[in-house]
Amino acid sequence: MRHYPALDLHWPAPPDDETVGLVLAAVDDEQPTAVEPQPGGVRIFFGDEQARDRAAVIVGNAFPDVALSSSLIPDDNWAERSQAGLTPVRVGRLIVTPPWAKEAAAADVGPDDIVLTIQPSMGFGTGHHQSTRLCLELLQRHVRAGVSVLDIGTGSGVLAAAAVRLGAGRALAVDYDTDALESARENIDANGLADRVTLQVFDLAAGRLPESAPFDVVCANITAGVLERHAALVAATVAPGGLLVASGYQEWDAADVAAAFSSEGLRPIDEALEDDWIAHAFTR
């Protein structure tokens, strides 16, 4: 059983979204993988204990009023908790449902709707986070039949699966986290898409393009810091006339993300907003 390194943060009064956003920006270099609301605070997950411990030092220095505690969270406990709270999510004509709620999802399916069954696993998108929903919204607006798709930081595989079900010809779903790829493989298989979605270990920090680049549509639902640091490589994966759907950041980071991609020859042509979260569609 995998245990996930986590950092619990608690404020004297419940934090607002902007405060949490400032904390996440401060620890962005440590590549947090997920954020889970907690009473009076948040729990931030990291890829390893070293990153978590470095993040604790950063937060302790920058936010002295925050109470911190470190832990290792077993994945099975999260799955049990999630089952009570995760229900089908509709984004346009896409319905993303956990396996145990397929019957409930079926009751709301129209003739043009697309149902994706996604098994939740800690830290991987299931459609319940704003940034995932925003990407799904933009994919519905812009994916055309037969296009090639790259999903950077695929997590559960939900964006790659959605793109193919929306008409893309093929998708390459990549992640540096092998646990994420295992989760994605299970979901791709469960949705009958194994012949159209390829999964591959890939780390932007390695500085190399993934195989088959460039692509007609590239999804990057990661964080502002990662997008800005690796804008040149991400932009290089987008074919001439192609599209980049970027999210994982909030409104106050939007100008910096847009500037990073503008310097690489990409311009924004569309956006989607939910709460303080934002997604952009860029093209050459």
Protein backbone atom coordinates (compact mmCIF):
# COMPACT_ATOMS: atom_id res chain seq x y z
CA MET A 1 0.00 0.00 0.00
CA ARG A 2 1.34 3.41 -0.93
CA HIS A 3 1.58 6.17 1.68
CA TYR A 4 1.41 9.78 0.51
CA PRO A 5 3.57 12.44 2.22
CA ALA A 6 1.28 15.23 3.42
CA LEU A 7 1.62 18.57 5.14
CA ASP A 8 -1.33 19.75 7.25
CA LEU A 9 -1.79 23.51 7.63
CA HIS A 10 -4.17 25.06 10.17
CA TRP A 11 -4.92 28.76 10.63
CA PRO A 12 -6.41 30.52 13.68
CA ALA A 13 -9.41 31.27 11.41
CA PRO A 14 -10.43 29.31 8.26
CA PRO A 15 -8.36 30.56 5.30
CA ASP A 16 -9.91 32.01 2.16
CA ASP A 17 -9.00 30.83 -1.36
CA GLU A 18 -6.49 33.64 -1.88
CA THR A 19 -4.59 32.73 1.28
CA VAL A 20 -4.40 29.07 0.25
CA GLY A 21 -3.32 30.19 -3.23
CA LEU A 22 -0.44 32.20 -1.75
CA VAL A 23 0.73 29.17 0.23
CA LEU A 24 0.56 26.94 -2.84
CA ALA A 25 2.52 29.50 -4.85
CA ALA A 26 5.18 29.58 -2.12
CA VAL A 27 5.69 25.78 -2.24
CA ASP A 28 5.22 25.39 -5.98
CA ASP A 29 8.87 24.47 -6.58
CA GLU A 30 8.31 21.38 -4.41
CA GLN A 31 5.63 20.19 -6.88
CA PRO A 32 2.64 19.55 -4.62
CA THR A 33 0.43 16.85 -6.13
CA ALA A 34 -2.93 17.57 -4.50
CA VAL A 35 -4.74 19.76 -1.97
CA GLU A 36 -7.47 18.46 0.31
CA PRO A 37 -9.62 20.85 2.41
CA GLN A 38 -9.50 20.26 6.15
CA PRO A 39 -11.43 21.88 9.02
CA GLY A 40 -9.67 25.20 9.55
CA GLY A 41 -7.04 24.58 6.91
CA VAL A 42 -5.77 22.35 4.13
CA ARG A 43 -3.72 19.21 3.60
CA ILE A 44 -1.11 19.43 0.82
CA PHE A 45 0.32 16.23 -0.69
CA PHE A 46 3.81 15.85 -2.16
CA GLY A 47 5.61 13.31 -4.28
CA ASP A 48 8.13 12.45 -1.56
CA GLU A 49 8.94 13.21 2.07
CA GLN A 50 11.92 15.39 1.19
CA ALA A 51 9.74 17.76 -0.87
CA ARG A 52 7.17 17.85 1.92
CA ASP A 53 9.80 18.69 4.53
CA ARG A 54 11.30 21.45 2.39
CA ALA A 55 7.80 22.86 1.89
CA ALA A 56 7.26 22.84 5.66
CA VAL A 57 10.33 25.03 6.12
CA ILE A 58 9.14 27.43 3.40
CA VAL A 59 5.65 27.73 4.89
CA GLY A 60 6.96 28.07 8.43
CA ASN A 61 9.20 30.96 7.42
CA ALA A 62 6.69 32.76 5.19
CA PHE A 63 3.50 32.16 7.20
CA PRO A 64 4.41 32.09 10.90
CA ASP A 65 0.77 32.06 12.04
CA VAL A 66 0.14 28.67 10.38
CA ALA A 67 0.31 25.51 12.50
CA LEU A 68 2.07 22.71 10.61
CA SER A 69 2.14 18.94 10.98
CA SER A 70 3.57 16.26 8.69
CA SER A 71 2.10 12.84 8.04
CA LEU A 72 1.99 9.84 5.72
CA ILE A 73 -1.54 9.14 4.49
CA PRO A 74 -2.38 5.58 3.32
CA ASP A 75 -4.10 5.55 -0.05
CA ASP A 76 -6.83 3.11 1.01
CA ASN A 77 -8.09 5.42 3.74
CA TRP A 78 -8.49 8.21 1.22
CA ALA A 79 -10.39 5.94 -1.15
CA GLU A 80 -12.79 4.94 1.63
CA ARG A 81 -13.41 8.57 2.59
CA SER A 82 -13.86 9.64 -1.01
CA GLN A 83 -16.54 7.06 -1.71
CA ALA A 84 -18.98 8.87 0.54
CA GLY A 85 -18.39 12.28 -0.99
CA LEU A 86 -17.65 11.83 -4.69
CA THR A 87 -20.64 11.79 -7.02
CA PRO A 88 -20.95 12.13 -10.82
CA VAL A 89 -19.82 15.48 -12.21
CA ARG A 90 -21.31 17.00 -15.35
CA VAL A 91 -19.28 19.39 -17.51
CA GLY A 92 -21.30 20.22 -20.61
CA ARG A 93 -22.09 16.90 -22.22
CA LEU A 94 -19.33 15.08 -20.37
CA ILE A 95 -20.28 13.15 -17.22
CA VAL A 96 -17.39 11.93 -15.06
CA THR A 97 -18.44 9.32 -12.53
CA PRO A 98 -16.69 7.09 -9.99
CA PRO A 99 -17.46 3.39 -10.52
CA TRP A 100 -19.83 3.15 -7.55
CA ALA A 101 -22.04 5.95 -8.92
CA LYS A 102 -22.50 4.68 -12.49
CA GLU A 103 -26.18 3.95 -11.89
CA ALA A 104 -26.79 7.48 -10.65
CA ALA A 105 -24.89 8.87 -13.63
CA ALA A 106 -26.93 6.78 -16.09
CA ALA A 107 -30.14 8.38 -14.86
CA ASP A 108 -28.95 11.77 -16.12
CA VAL A 109 -27.51 10.73 -19.51
CA GLY A 110 -28.87 12.40 -22.64
CA PRO A 111 -28.50 11.15 -26.22
CA ASP A 112 -25.37 13.27 -26.90
CA ASP A 113 -23.73 12.85 -23.51
CA ILE A 114 -20.43 11.07 -22.91
CA VAL A 115 -19.90 9.13 -19.67
CA LEU A 116 -16.38 8.52 -18.36
CA THR A 117 -15.83 6.15 -15.43
CA ILE A 118 -12.85 7.31 -13.37
CA GLN A 119 -11.63 5.52 -10.25
CA PRO A 120 -10.50 8.16 -7.73
CA SER A 121 -7.00 7.92 -6.32
CA MET A 122 -5.40 10.51 -4.10
CA GLY A 123 -3.88 13.39 -6.01
CA PHE A 124 -5.29 12.45 -9.42
CA GLY A 125 -8.03 14.45 -11.14
CA THR A 126 -11.53 13.01 -11.22
CA GLY A 127 -13.47 16.04 -12.44
CA HIS A 128 -14.18 17.28 -8.93
CA HIS A 129 -11.52 19.99 -8.99
CA GLN A 130 -12.17 23.27 -10.76
CA SER A 131 -9.06 23.07 -12.95
CA THR A 132 -10.06 19.64 -14.29
CA ARG A 133 -13.57 20.86 -15.09
CA LEU A 134 -12.21 23.94 -16.84
CA CYS A 135 -9.97 21.80 -19.06
CA LEU A 136 -12.92 19.56 -19.89
CA GLU A 137 -14.92 22.65 -20.83
CA LEU A 138 -12.23 23.94 -23.20
CA LEU A 139 -11.66 20.51 -24.73
CA GLN A 140 -15.34 20.35 -25.65
CA ARG A 141 -15.07 23.71 -27.39
CA HIS A 142 -11.92 22.95 -29.36
CA VAL A 143 -11.27 19.23 -29.97
CA ARG A 144 -11.96 18.27 -33.56
CA ALA A 145 -12.30 14.83 -35.12
CA GLY A 146 -9.05 13.01 -35.73
CA VAL A 147 -6.67 15.36 -33.90
CA SER A 148 -3.66 14.11 -31.96
CA VAL A 149 -3.56 14.92 -28.24
CA LEU A 150 -0.83 15.11 -25.59
CA ASP A 151 -1.87 15.17 -21.92
CA ILE A 152 1.02 16.39 -19.74
CA GLY A 153 0.65 15.36 -16.09
CA THR A 154 -2.19 13.01 -16.91
CA GLY A 155 -2.92 11.84 -13.35
CA SER A 156 -6.08 9.73 -13.62
CA GLY A 157 -6.09 9.98 -17.43
CA VAL A 158 -9.43 11.80 -17.42
CA LEU A 159 -8.40 14.53 -19.89
CA ALA A 160 -6.85 12.12 -22.38
CA ALA A 161 -9.91 9.88 -22.14
CA ALA A 162 -12.26 12.82 -22.62
CA ALA A 163 -10.34 14.10 -25.65
CA VAL A 164 -10.53 10.74 -27.38
CA ARG A 165 -14.22 10.32 -26.58
CA LEU A 166 -14.78 13.82 -28.01
CA GLY A 167 -13.31 12.68 -31.31
CA ALA A 168 -9.52 12.87 -31.10
CA GLY A 169 -7.81 10.20 -33.15
CA ARG A 170 -5.17 9.30 -30.58
CA ALA A 171 -3.74 10.56 -27.30
CA LEU A 172 -0.42 10.24 -25.51
CA ALA A 173 -0.85 10.60 -21.74
CA VAL A 174 2.36 11.28 -19.80
CA ASP A 175 3.32 11.71 -16.15
CA TYR A 176 6.51 11.52 -14.10
CA ASP A 177 4.62 9.62 -11.37
CA THR A 178 4.39 5.90 -12.08
CA ASP A 179 1.51 5.58 -9.61
CA ALA A 180 -0.41 8.13 -11.65
CA LEU A 181 0.24 6.13 -14.80
CA GLU A 182 -0.98 2.96 -13.10
CA SER A 183 -4.18 4.79 -12.14
CA ALA A 184 -4.51 6.17 -15.66
CA ARG A 185 -4.04 2.72 -17.21
CA GLU A 186 -6.85 1.28 -15.11
CA ASN A 187 -9.16 4.12 -16.12
CA ILE A 188 -8.24 4.01 -19.80
CA ASP A 189 -8.90 0.25 -19.83
CA ALA A 190 -12.18 0.66 -17.91
CA ASN A 191 -13.40 3.07 -20.57
CA GLY A 192 -12.39 0.81 -23.46
CA LEU A 193 -9.79 3.24 -24.83
CA ALA A 194 -6.56 1.22 -24.60
CA ASP A 195 -6.21 1.13 -28.39
CA ARG A 196 -6.30 4.93 -28.69
CA VAL A 197 -4.51 6.20 -25.57
CA THR A 198 -0.81 5.48 -24.98
CA LEU A 199 0.76 6.05 -21.57
CA GLN A 200 4.38 6.99 -20.99
CA VAL A 201 6.68 8.07 -18.17
CA PHE A 202 7.74 11.65 -18.88
CA ASP A 203 9.25 14.44 -16.80
CA LEU A 204 9.37 18.02 -18.07
CA ALA A 205 12.49 18.56 -15.98
CA ALA A 206 14.38 16.16 -18.25
CA GLY A 207 14.16 18.77 -21.02
CA ARG A 208 13.27 16.37 -23.84
CA LEU A 209 10.19 16.30 -26.05
CA PRO A 210 7.88 13.29 -25.69
CA GLU A 211 7.71 10.87 -28.58
CA SER A 212 5.42 11.77 -31.51
CA ALA A 213 5.65 15.52 -30.77
CA PRO A 214 4.31 17.92 -31.88
CA PHE A 215 0.57 17.42 -31.27
CA ASP A 216 -2.59 19.15 -32.49
CA VAL A 217 -3.91 19.58 -28.93
CA VAL A 218 -1.83 19.66 -25.75
CA CYS A 219 -3.36 19.60 -22.25
CA ALA A 220 -1.28 20.77 -19.28
CA ASN A 221 -3.27 20.86 -16.05
CA ILE A 222 -0.35 21.34 -13.69
CA THR A 223 0.71 24.48 -11.77
CA ALA A 224 1.64 28.03 -12.71
CA GLY A 225 5.24 27.62 -11.60
CA VAL A 226 5.79 24.45 -13.61
CA LEU A 227 4.12 25.96 -16.69
CA GLU A 228 6.26 29.08 -16.48
CA ARG A 229 9.54 27.21 -15.89
CA HIS A 230 8.93 24.79 -18.74
CA ALA A 231 7.01 27.06 -21.14
CA ALA A 232 9.54 26.56 -23.94
CA LEU A 233 9.31 22.76 -23.81
CA VAL A 234 5.51 22.72 -23.43
CA ALA A 235 5.14 25.16 -26.33
CA ALA A 236 7.41 23.01 -28.49
CA THR A 237 4.95 20.12 -28.16
CA VAL A 238 2.21 22.18 -29.89
CA ALA A 239 2.03 21.76 -33.66
CA PRO A 240 1.74 24.84 -35.94
CA GLY A 241 -1.90 25.93 -35.75
CA GLY A 242 -2.35 23.63 -32.76
CA LEU A 243 -3.84 24.32 -29.36
CA LEU A 244 -2.55 24.33 -25.78
CA VAL A 245 -5.13 23.96 -22.99
CA ALA A 246 -3.44 25.06 -19.78
CA SER A 247 -4.83 25.13 -16.25
CA GLY A 248 -3.95 24.34 -12.66
CA TYR A 249 -3.54 27.99 -11.65
CA GLN A 250 -5.64 30.84 -10.33
CA GLU A 251 -6.55 34.23 -11.73
CA TRP A 252 -3.68 36.10 -10.09
CA ASP A 253 -1.19 33.82 -11.90
CA ALA A 254 -2.86 34.14 -15.30
CA ALA A 255 -0.85 37.12 -16.57
CA ASP A 256 2.49 35.47 -15.77
CA VAL A 257 1.46 32.18 -17.41
CA ALA A 258 0.21 34.01 -20.51
CA ALA A 259 3.44 36.04 -20.70
CA ALA A 260 5.55 32.88 -20.50
CA PHE A 261 3.74 31.30 -23.43
CA SER A 262 3.57 34.56 -25.37
CA SER A 263 7.38 34.63 -25.34
CA GLU A 264 7.27 31.19 -26.97
CA GLY A 265 4.95 32.31 -29.78
CA LEU A 266 1.60 31.25 -28.31
CA ARG A 267 -1.36 33.61 -27.90
CA PRO A 268 -4.52 33.11 -25.83
CA ILE A 269 -7.73 32.64 -27.81
CA ASP A 270 -10.15 31.37 -25.17
CA GLU A 271 -10.54 30.96 -21.43
CA ALA A 272 -12.81 29.41 -18.83
CA LEU A 273 -13.32 30.50 -15.24
CA GLU A 274 -14.67 28.86 -12.09
CA ASP A 275 -14.32 30.49 -8.68
CA ASP A 276 -10.73 31.84 -8.72
CA TRP A 277 -9.45 29.12 -11.05
CA ILE A 278 -8.80 29.74 -14.73
CA ALA A 279 -7.90 27.78 -17.86
CA HIS A 280 -6.61 29.17 -21.14
CA ALA A 281 -6.54 27.94 -24.69
CA PHE A 282 -3.44 29.16 -26.55
CA THR A 283 -2.55 28.76 -30.23
CA ARG A 284 0.29 29.69 -32.57
